[in-house]
Amino acid sequence: MLIGNYDGSLTLYDFKERKSSSFSGLAKAIYSIDINSSGKLAVASQRNGVLLMDLTGFSDAKLVNQQSNVIKSLAFQPNSDILLTGSTDKVTSWDLSNELIVHSYGSSGEYSEAPIFFNSSTNSIYKKESPEGIEQFNLTDGKKNRIKVKDVFDFRFSSDGDRLFGKVFNQTIDVFDTKKFKRIDRFEFSDLKAFDLDQDDRTIAAVNGQTIEIIDIGTKVTKSSILFPDQVSATRIEFIPGTDFLATWNTSRAKFGSEDDYSIRIWDLTKGKMVSTLSGHSGTITSLTTLKNEFIFHQVSMVPSASGH
C-alpha cells in the first residue's frame, strides 16, 4: 500500500509482511494521486504541475503539465496515458506521451479538490463544481452540461458507465441513468455516511450508522452486516478489487475521543470482521486505487486542528 501524505512524503505499506517505510522530498503537500496500468504514478501537490513517477523504474521522476494554478485533483483515463487534471480555473486532459493538451474547459474552482471521473460509455469527464449539480464535459462534441442532481457530492459510476449512484445527504443512494439523467432507483438508509460499488455492480457496501451493510443491488436485500467495534467509526469505505476485503477510514476528526483517527481498517467479508489496522501515516485519507490487485495507493490530505496548527 502506498499513501501520499500532506507533508509531501509517501508511506509504503507491505500488506503481507506488515512492514512500512516512508519516502520524503518527492513533493510538497499532496492533494491527489492516481496510477495507470503501465505503472505511472501521478501526484498533484502544492506545485503548479504534476509530479510523474515511473514505478517500473525505467525513467526518472519529473514535473509535467505545469499551469498557472495549482492542480488539486487528477485521474487517469482507464488503460491509457491520458491524464485528467482539475485546478481552480480549469479541467484539462493531457496526453503524457507527448505532454500536450487534448481537451480543456473552464471550471469554477468551487470544488477544485473534488474527484474527477471519466465515463467511457458517454466519452465524458464528470466533476462536482457547484451545489446545484455535476458538470459533464463531452469529449466527442466538446459540449459542457450541468447534470442537475442537487445535493449529490459523493457518487460512483457503474462499470458500464450507464448508471450513476449518488449519496444524497445521509438518507439515500439515488441511481440515475447517465444518458437521460433521470432517477431510476433509490436505496434508503437511516444514517448513511459512505458507500461503494463492487467491480461487478452487484453489491453496495454502505456505512449506515455504526454498521457496515452489504446490499444486493438487484434485490435490495442486505446480505450481511458488520458492527463497528467501540471507539471505531468511518466516513469512507471501498472494496479492494479482486479480494473479499473492504477498507474503511475517516475523512474528518474522529467521532470518539480527542485524538484524530486516520487509521485504515481492513475488513474480511468472508469472516465478517476487521482483520487489520494501518496507522503509521499522517493526515486524512481521501482516495484509494489499485494496480493489478498487488499495490494499493492512497491519497492523504491534512485536516487542520482546532488550534490551526
Protein backbone atom coordinates (compact mmCIF):
# COMPACT_ATOMS: atom_id res chain seq x y z
CA MET A 1 0.00 0.00 0.00
CA LEU A 2 1.31 3.45 -0.89
CA ILE A 3 -0.02 6.52 0.90
CA GLY A 4 0.67 10.12 -0.07
CA ASN A 5 0.80 12.39 2.96
CA TYR A 6 0.01 16.08 3.29
CA ASP A 7 3.59 16.71 4.44
CA GLY A 8 4.77 15.58 0.99
CA SER A 9 6.04 12.13 1.97
CA LEU A 10 4.91 8.75 0.65
CA THR A 11 4.35 5.86 3.05
CA LEU A 12 4.64 2.34 1.66
CA TYR A 13 2.84 -0.50 3.46
CA ASP A 14 3.74 -4.10 2.75
CA PHE A 15 0.36 -5.68 3.42
CA LYS A 16 1.72 -9.25 3.54
CA GLU A 17 4.82 -8.56 5.66
CA ARG A 18 3.08 -5.90 7.81
CA LYS A 19 6.02 -3.51 7.41
CA SER A 20 6.12 0.15 6.38
CA SER A 21 8.66 2.65 5.07
CA SER A 22 8.49 6.34 4.14
CA PHE A 23 9.97 8.45 1.34
CA SER A 24 10.26 12.24 1.67
CA GLY A 25 11.32 15.16 -0.50
CA LEU A 26 9.37 13.95 -3.54
CA ALA A 27 6.61 16.55 -3.42
CA LYS A 28 5.05 19.30 -1.38
CA ALA A 29 1.69 18.83 0.37
CA ILE A 30 -0.11 16.12 -1.62
CA TYR A 31 -3.69 16.70 -2.78
CA SER A 32 -4.32 13.78 -5.13
CA ILE A 33 -2.63 10.72 -6.64
CA ASP A 34 -3.52 8.11 -9.24
CA ILE A 35 -1.76 5.33 -11.13
CA ASN A 36 -2.35 3.81 -14.56
CA SER A 37 -1.96 0.26 -15.84
CA SER A 38 1.59 0.88 -17.15
CA GLY A 39 2.88 1.88 -13.71
CA LYS A 40 2.89 5.66 -14.00
CA LEU A 41 2.13 7.37 -10.67
CA ALA A 42 0.82 10.94 -10.94
CA VAL A 43 0.99 13.20 -7.87
CA ALA A 44 -0.82 16.55 -7.52
CA SER A 45 0.70 18.67 -4.76
CA GLN A 46 1.40 22.31 -3.91
CA ARG A 47 3.14 22.81 -7.24
CA ASN A 48 1.80 24.25 -10.49
CA GLY A 49 2.14 20.90 -12.19
CA VAL A 50 2.02 17.13 -11.77
CA LEU A 51 4.88 15.02 -10.43
CA LEU A 52 5.07 11.93 -12.66
CA MET A 53 6.86 8.86 -11.28
CA ASP A 54 7.58 5.61 -13.13
CA LEU A 55 7.06 2.75 -10.66
CA THR A 56 8.67 0.28 -13.07
CA GLY A 57 11.98 2.15 -12.65
CA PHE A 58 12.58 2.76 -16.36
CA SER A 59 12.52 6.57 -16.12
CA ASP A 60 13.18 9.29 -13.54
CA ALA A 61 10.52 11.35 -11.78
CA LYS A 62 9.69 14.64 -13.49
CA LEU A 63 7.32 17.59 -13.23
CA VAL A 64 4.86 17.81 -16.13
CA ASN A 65 1.65 19.66 -17.09
CA GLN A 66 2.75 22.92 -15.47
CA GLN A 67 -0.03 25.51 -15.21
CA SER A 68 -0.61 28.94 -13.71
CA ASN A 69 -2.73 27.50 -10.89
CA VAL A 70 -2.20 24.58 -8.52
CA ILE A 71 -3.68 21.24 -9.64
CA LYS A 72 -5.77 19.77 -6.82
CA SER A 73 -7.35 16.68 -8.38
CA LEU A 74 -6.35 14.19 -11.07
CA ALA A 75 -7.20 10.81 -12.58
CA PHE A 76 -6.02 8.65 -15.46
CA GLN A 77 -8.42 7.55 -18.15
CA PRO A 78 -8.62 3.73 -17.87
CA ASN A 79 -5.81 1.83 -19.63
CA SER A 80 -4.22 4.92 -21.16
CA ASP A 81 -1.64 7.68 -20.75
CA ILE A 82 -4.37 10.34 -20.81
CA LEU A 83 -4.33 12.23 -17.51
CA LEU A 84 -7.26 14.36 -16.34
CA THR A 85 -6.42 17.28 -14.04
CA GLY A 86 -8.52 19.83 -12.17
CA SER A 87 -7.26 23.21 -10.92
CA THR A 88 -9.04 26.27 -9.56
CA ASP A 89 -9.83 27.57 -13.06
CA LYS A 90 -9.95 24.64 -15.50
CA VAL A 91 -10.26 20.91 -16.12
CA THR A 92 -7.77 19.53 -18.65
CA SER A 93 -6.93 16.22 -20.30
CA TRP A 94 -3.26 15.64 -21.16
CA ASP A 95 -1.55 13.08 -23.38
CA LEU A 96 1.52 12.12 -21.34
CA SER A 97 3.21 10.51 -24.35
CA ASN A 98 3.84 13.99 -25.78
CA GLU A 99 2.73 16.19 -22.83
CA LEU A 100 0.21 18.04 -24.99
CA ILE A 101 -3.29 19.21 -24.06
CA VAL A 102 -6.05 17.10 -25.63
CA HIS A 103 -9.06 18.94 -24.17
CA SER A 104 -9.56 21.81 -21.74
CA TYR A 105 -12.55 23.69 -20.35
CA GLY A 106 -13.14 26.39 -17.75
CA SER A 107 -14.00 25.47 -14.19
CA SER A 108 -15.48 27.50 -11.35
CA GLY A 109 -12.99 26.02 -8.90
CA GLU A 110 -15.59 25.95 -6.12
CA TYR A 111 -14.86 22.26 -5.57
CA SER A 112 -11.34 22.13 -7.02
CA GLU A 113 -10.38 19.14 -4.83
CA ALA A 114 -13.45 17.11 -5.83
CA PRO A 115 -12.55 13.85 -7.65
CA ILE A 116 -12.57 13.64 -11.46
CA PHE A 117 -14.29 10.73 -13.22
CA PHE A 118 -14.08 9.54 -16.83
CA ASN A 119 -17.04 7.62 -18.27
CA SER A 120 -16.15 5.65 -21.42
CA SER A 121 -19.84 4.93 -22.10
CA THR A 122 -20.55 8.62 -22.71
CA ASN A 123 -16.92 9.61 -23.50
CA SER A 124 -17.23 12.34 -20.90
CA ILE A 125 -15.43 13.85 -17.92
CA TYR A 126 -17.52 14.37 -14.77
CA LYS A 127 -16.66 16.61 -11.82
CA LYS A 128 -18.57 18.25 -8.99
CA GLU A 129 -18.28 22.02 -9.47
CA SER A 130 -21.34 23.52 -7.74
CA PRO A 131 -24.01 22.63 -5.15
CA GLU A 132 -26.56 22.51 -7.97
CA GLY A 133 -25.15 19.58 -9.89
CA ILE A 134 -22.30 17.70 -11.58
CA GLU A 135 -20.53 19.10 -14.64
CA GLN A 136 -20.26 16.85 -17.69
CA PHE A 137 -17.77 17.66 -20.46
CA ASN A 138 -18.38 15.55 -23.56
CA LEU A 139 -15.09 14.82 -25.35
CA THR A 140 -16.89 13.86 -28.58
CA ASP A 141 -18.73 17.11 -29.26
CA GLY A 142 -16.89 19.38 -26.83
CA LYS A 143 -20.08 20.43 -25.07
CA LYS A 144 -20.34 21.12 -21.36
CA ASN A 145 -23.54 20.30 -19.50
CA ARG A 146 -24.68 20.55 -15.90
CA ILE A 147 -26.38 17.44 -14.58
CA LYS A 148 -28.95 18.72 -12.10
CA VAL A 149 -28.57 16.25 -9.27
CA LYS A 150 -28.72 18.64 -6.34
CA ASP A 151 -27.09 17.73 -3.01
CA VAL A 152 -25.09 14.83 -4.53
CA PHE A 153 -21.42 15.23 -3.53
CA ASP A 154 -20.29 11.58 -3.30
CA PHE A 155 -21.00 9.49 -6.40
CA ARG A 156 -19.87 6.39 -8.30
CA PHE A 157 -20.38 5.09 -11.84
CA SER A 158 -21.33 1.53 -12.70
CA SER A 159 -18.62 -0.34 -14.62
CA ASP A 160 -20.53 0.01 -17.91
CA GLY A 161 -21.00 3.74 -17.28
CA ASP A 162 -24.76 3.57 -17.70
CA ARG A 163 -25.69 4.36 -14.09
CA LEU A 164 -24.59 6.96 -11.56
CA PHE A 165 -25.03 6.15 -7.86
CA GLY A 166 -25.13 9.31 -5.73
CA LYS A 167 -25.26 9.78 -1.96
CA VAL A 168 -27.93 12.33 -1.02
CA PHE A 169 -27.31 13.74 2.45
CA ASN A 170 -27.31 10.84 4.96
CA GLN A 171 -30.54 9.28 3.79
CA THR A 172 -30.43 7.74 0.31
CA ILE A 173 -28.34 6.48 -2.58
CA ASP A 174 -30.13 7.66 -5.72
CA VAL A 175 -29.44 5.88 -9.01
CA PHE A 176 -29.53 7.86 -12.27
CA ASP A 177 -29.47 6.87 -15.95
CA THR A 178 -26.33 8.59 -17.34
CA LYS A 179 -27.84 9.08 -20.81
CA LYS A 180 -31.07 10.79 -19.70
CA PHE A 181 -30.07 11.56 -16.11
CA LYS A 182 -33.39 10.58 -14.71
CA ARG A 183 -33.57 8.82 -11.37
CA ILE A 184 -34.29 5.13 -11.87
CA ASP A 185 -33.85 3.70 -8.37
CA ARG A 186 -33.31 4.58 -4.72
CA PHE A 187 -31.78 2.90 -1.65
CA GLU A 188 -32.83 4.26 1.75
CA PHE A 189 -30.81 4.41 4.98
CA SER A 190 -31.17 5.78 8.49
CA ASP A 191 -27.67 7.32 8.76
CA LEU A 192 -25.66 6.86 5.56
CA LYS A 193 -22.04 8.00 5.96
CA ALA A 194 -20.33 6.38 2.95
CA PHE A 195 -20.77 3.78 0.22
CA ASP A 196 -19.01 1.98 -2.62
CA LEU A 197 -19.84 -0.39 -5.51
CA ASP A 198 -18.06 -3.65 -6.24
CA GLN A 199 -16.42 -4.31 -9.62
CA ASP A 200 -19.38 -6.34 -10.91
CA ASP A 201 -22.03 -3.75 -9.96
CA ARG A 202 -23.84 -6.38 -7.95
CA THR A 203 -23.18 -5.16 -4.43
CA ILE A 204 -23.19 -1.94 -2.40
CA ALA A 205 -21.07 -1.62 0.74
CA ALA A 206 -22.51 1.10 2.97
CA VAL A 207 -21.57 2.61 6.32
CA ASN A 208 -25.00 3.04 7.91
CA GLY A 209 -24.57 4.47 11.39
CA GLN A 210 -22.20 2.14 13.24
CA THR A 211 -22.78 -0.78 10.85
CA ILE A 212 -21.27 -1.90 7.55
CA GLU A 213 -24.09 -3.23 5.34
CA ILE A 214 -23.52 -5.41 2.26
CA ILE A 215 -26.52 -4.95 -0.05
CA ASP A 216 -27.52 -6.83 -3.20
CA ILE A 217 -28.24 -4.15 -5.83
CA GLY A 218 -30.74 -6.25 -7.77
CA THR A 219 -32.91 -7.34 -4.85
CA LYS A 220 -32.04 -4.53 -2.37
CA VAL A 221 -31.64 -7.24 0.28
CA THR A 222 -28.96 -6.74 2.96
CA LYS A 223 -26.85 -9.89 2.57
CA SER A 224 -24.71 -9.31 5.65
CA SER A 225 -23.80 -6.66 8.19
CA ILE A 226 -20.77 -5.98 10.40
CA LEU A 227 -20.96 -3.88 13.55
CA PHE A 228 -18.09 -1.46 14.17
CA PRO A 229 -16.19 -2.09 17.43
CA ASP A 230 -16.42 0.50 20.20
CA GLN A 231 -14.42 3.68 19.55
CA VAL A 232 -14.27 2.96 15.79
CA SER A 233 -16.05 4.93 13.08
CA ALA A 234 -15.71 5.58 9.33
CA THR A 235 -16.71 8.19 6.78
CA ARG A 236 -15.27 6.36 3.74
CA ILE A 237 -15.50 2.77 2.54
CA GLU A 238 -14.15 1.00 -0.56
CA PHE A 239 -13.98 -2.51 -1.94
CA ILE A 240 -10.47 -3.83 -2.59
CA PRO A 241 -10.88 -5.24 -6.13
CA GLY A 242 -10.21 -8.93 -6.69
CA THR A 243 -10.48 -9.74 -2.98
CA ASP A 244 -13.08 -10.31 -0.27
CA PHE A 245 -11.81 -7.29 1.67
CA LEU A 246 -13.09 -3.79 2.39
CA ALA A 247 -11.15 -0.72 3.53
CA THR A 248 -12.63 1.97 5.77
CA TRP A 249 -11.24 5.25 7.10
CA ASN A 250 -12.19 8.73 8.29
CA THR A 251 -12.08 11.98 6.35
CA SER A 252 -12.79 14.12 9.42
CA ARG A 253 -11.87 14.30 13.09
CA ALA A 254 -12.54 11.02 14.91
CA LYS A 255 -16.05 10.70 16.26
CA PHE A 256 -14.86 9.38 19.63
CA GLY A 257 -12.13 10.74 21.88
CA SER A 258 -9.84 13.73 21.50
CA GLU A 259 -7.33 12.24 19.04
CA ASP A 260 -7.62 12.32 15.26
CA ASP A 261 -8.15 8.81 13.89
CA TYR A 262 -6.58 8.44 10.44
CA SER A 263 -6.27 4.64 10.52
CA ILE A 264 -7.09 2.43 7.55
CA ARG A 265 -9.07 -0.60 8.67
CA ILE A 266 -9.27 -3.77 6.58
CA TRP A 267 -12.38 -5.98 6.84
CA ASP A 268 -12.70 -9.61 5.70
CA LEU A 269 -16.21 -10.14 4.30
CA THR A 270 -15.89 -13.93 4.50
CA LYS A 271 -15.22 -13.73 8.24
CA GLY A 272 -17.42 -10.72 8.91
CA LYS A 273 -14.83 -8.90 10.99
CA MET A 274 -11.94 -6.42 10.99
CA VAL A 275 -8.61 -8.16 10.35
CA SER A 276 -6.03 -5.35 10.19
CA THR A 277 -5.39 -1.71 11.13
CA LEU A 278 -2.83 0.51 9.37
CA SER A 279 -1.90 3.64 11.29
CA GLY A 280 1.72 4.58 10.54
CA HIS A 281 0.87 7.56 8.34
CA SER A 282 -0.38 11.10 9.00
CA GLY A 283 -3.34 13.01 7.63
CA THR A 284 -6.81 12.18 6.39
CA ILE A 285 -7.10 9.63 3.58
CA THR A 286 -9.39 10.70 0.74
CA SER A 287 -8.98 8.09 -2.02
CA LEU A 288 -7.87 4.55 -2.83
CA THR A 289 -6.96 2.76 -6.06
CA THR A 290 -5.24 -0.49 -7.06
CA LEU A 291 -2.75 -1.81 -9.59
CA LYS A 292 -3.11 -5.45 -10.69
CA ASN A 293 -4.51 -6.27 -7.23
CA GLU A 294 -0.96 -6.13 -5.87
CA PHE A 295 -0.46 -2.49 -4.91
CA ILE A 296 -2.92 -0.21 -3.18
CA PHE A 297 -2.45 3.53 -3.40
CA HIS A 298 -3.96 6.08 -1.07
CA GLN A 299 -4.19 9.85 -1.12
CA VAL A 300 -3.91 11.87 2.05
CA SER A 301 -4.72 15.49 2.96
CA MET A 302 -4.43 17.07 6.38
CA VAL A 303 -7.43 18.44 8.25
CA PRO A 304 -6.24 21.42 10.36
CA SER A 305 -6.66 21.10 14.10
CA ALA A 306 -8.89 23.44 16.09
CA SER A 307 -5.83 25.48 17.04
CA GLY A 308 -4.83 25.88 13.40
CA HIS A 309 -1.51 24.04 13.80
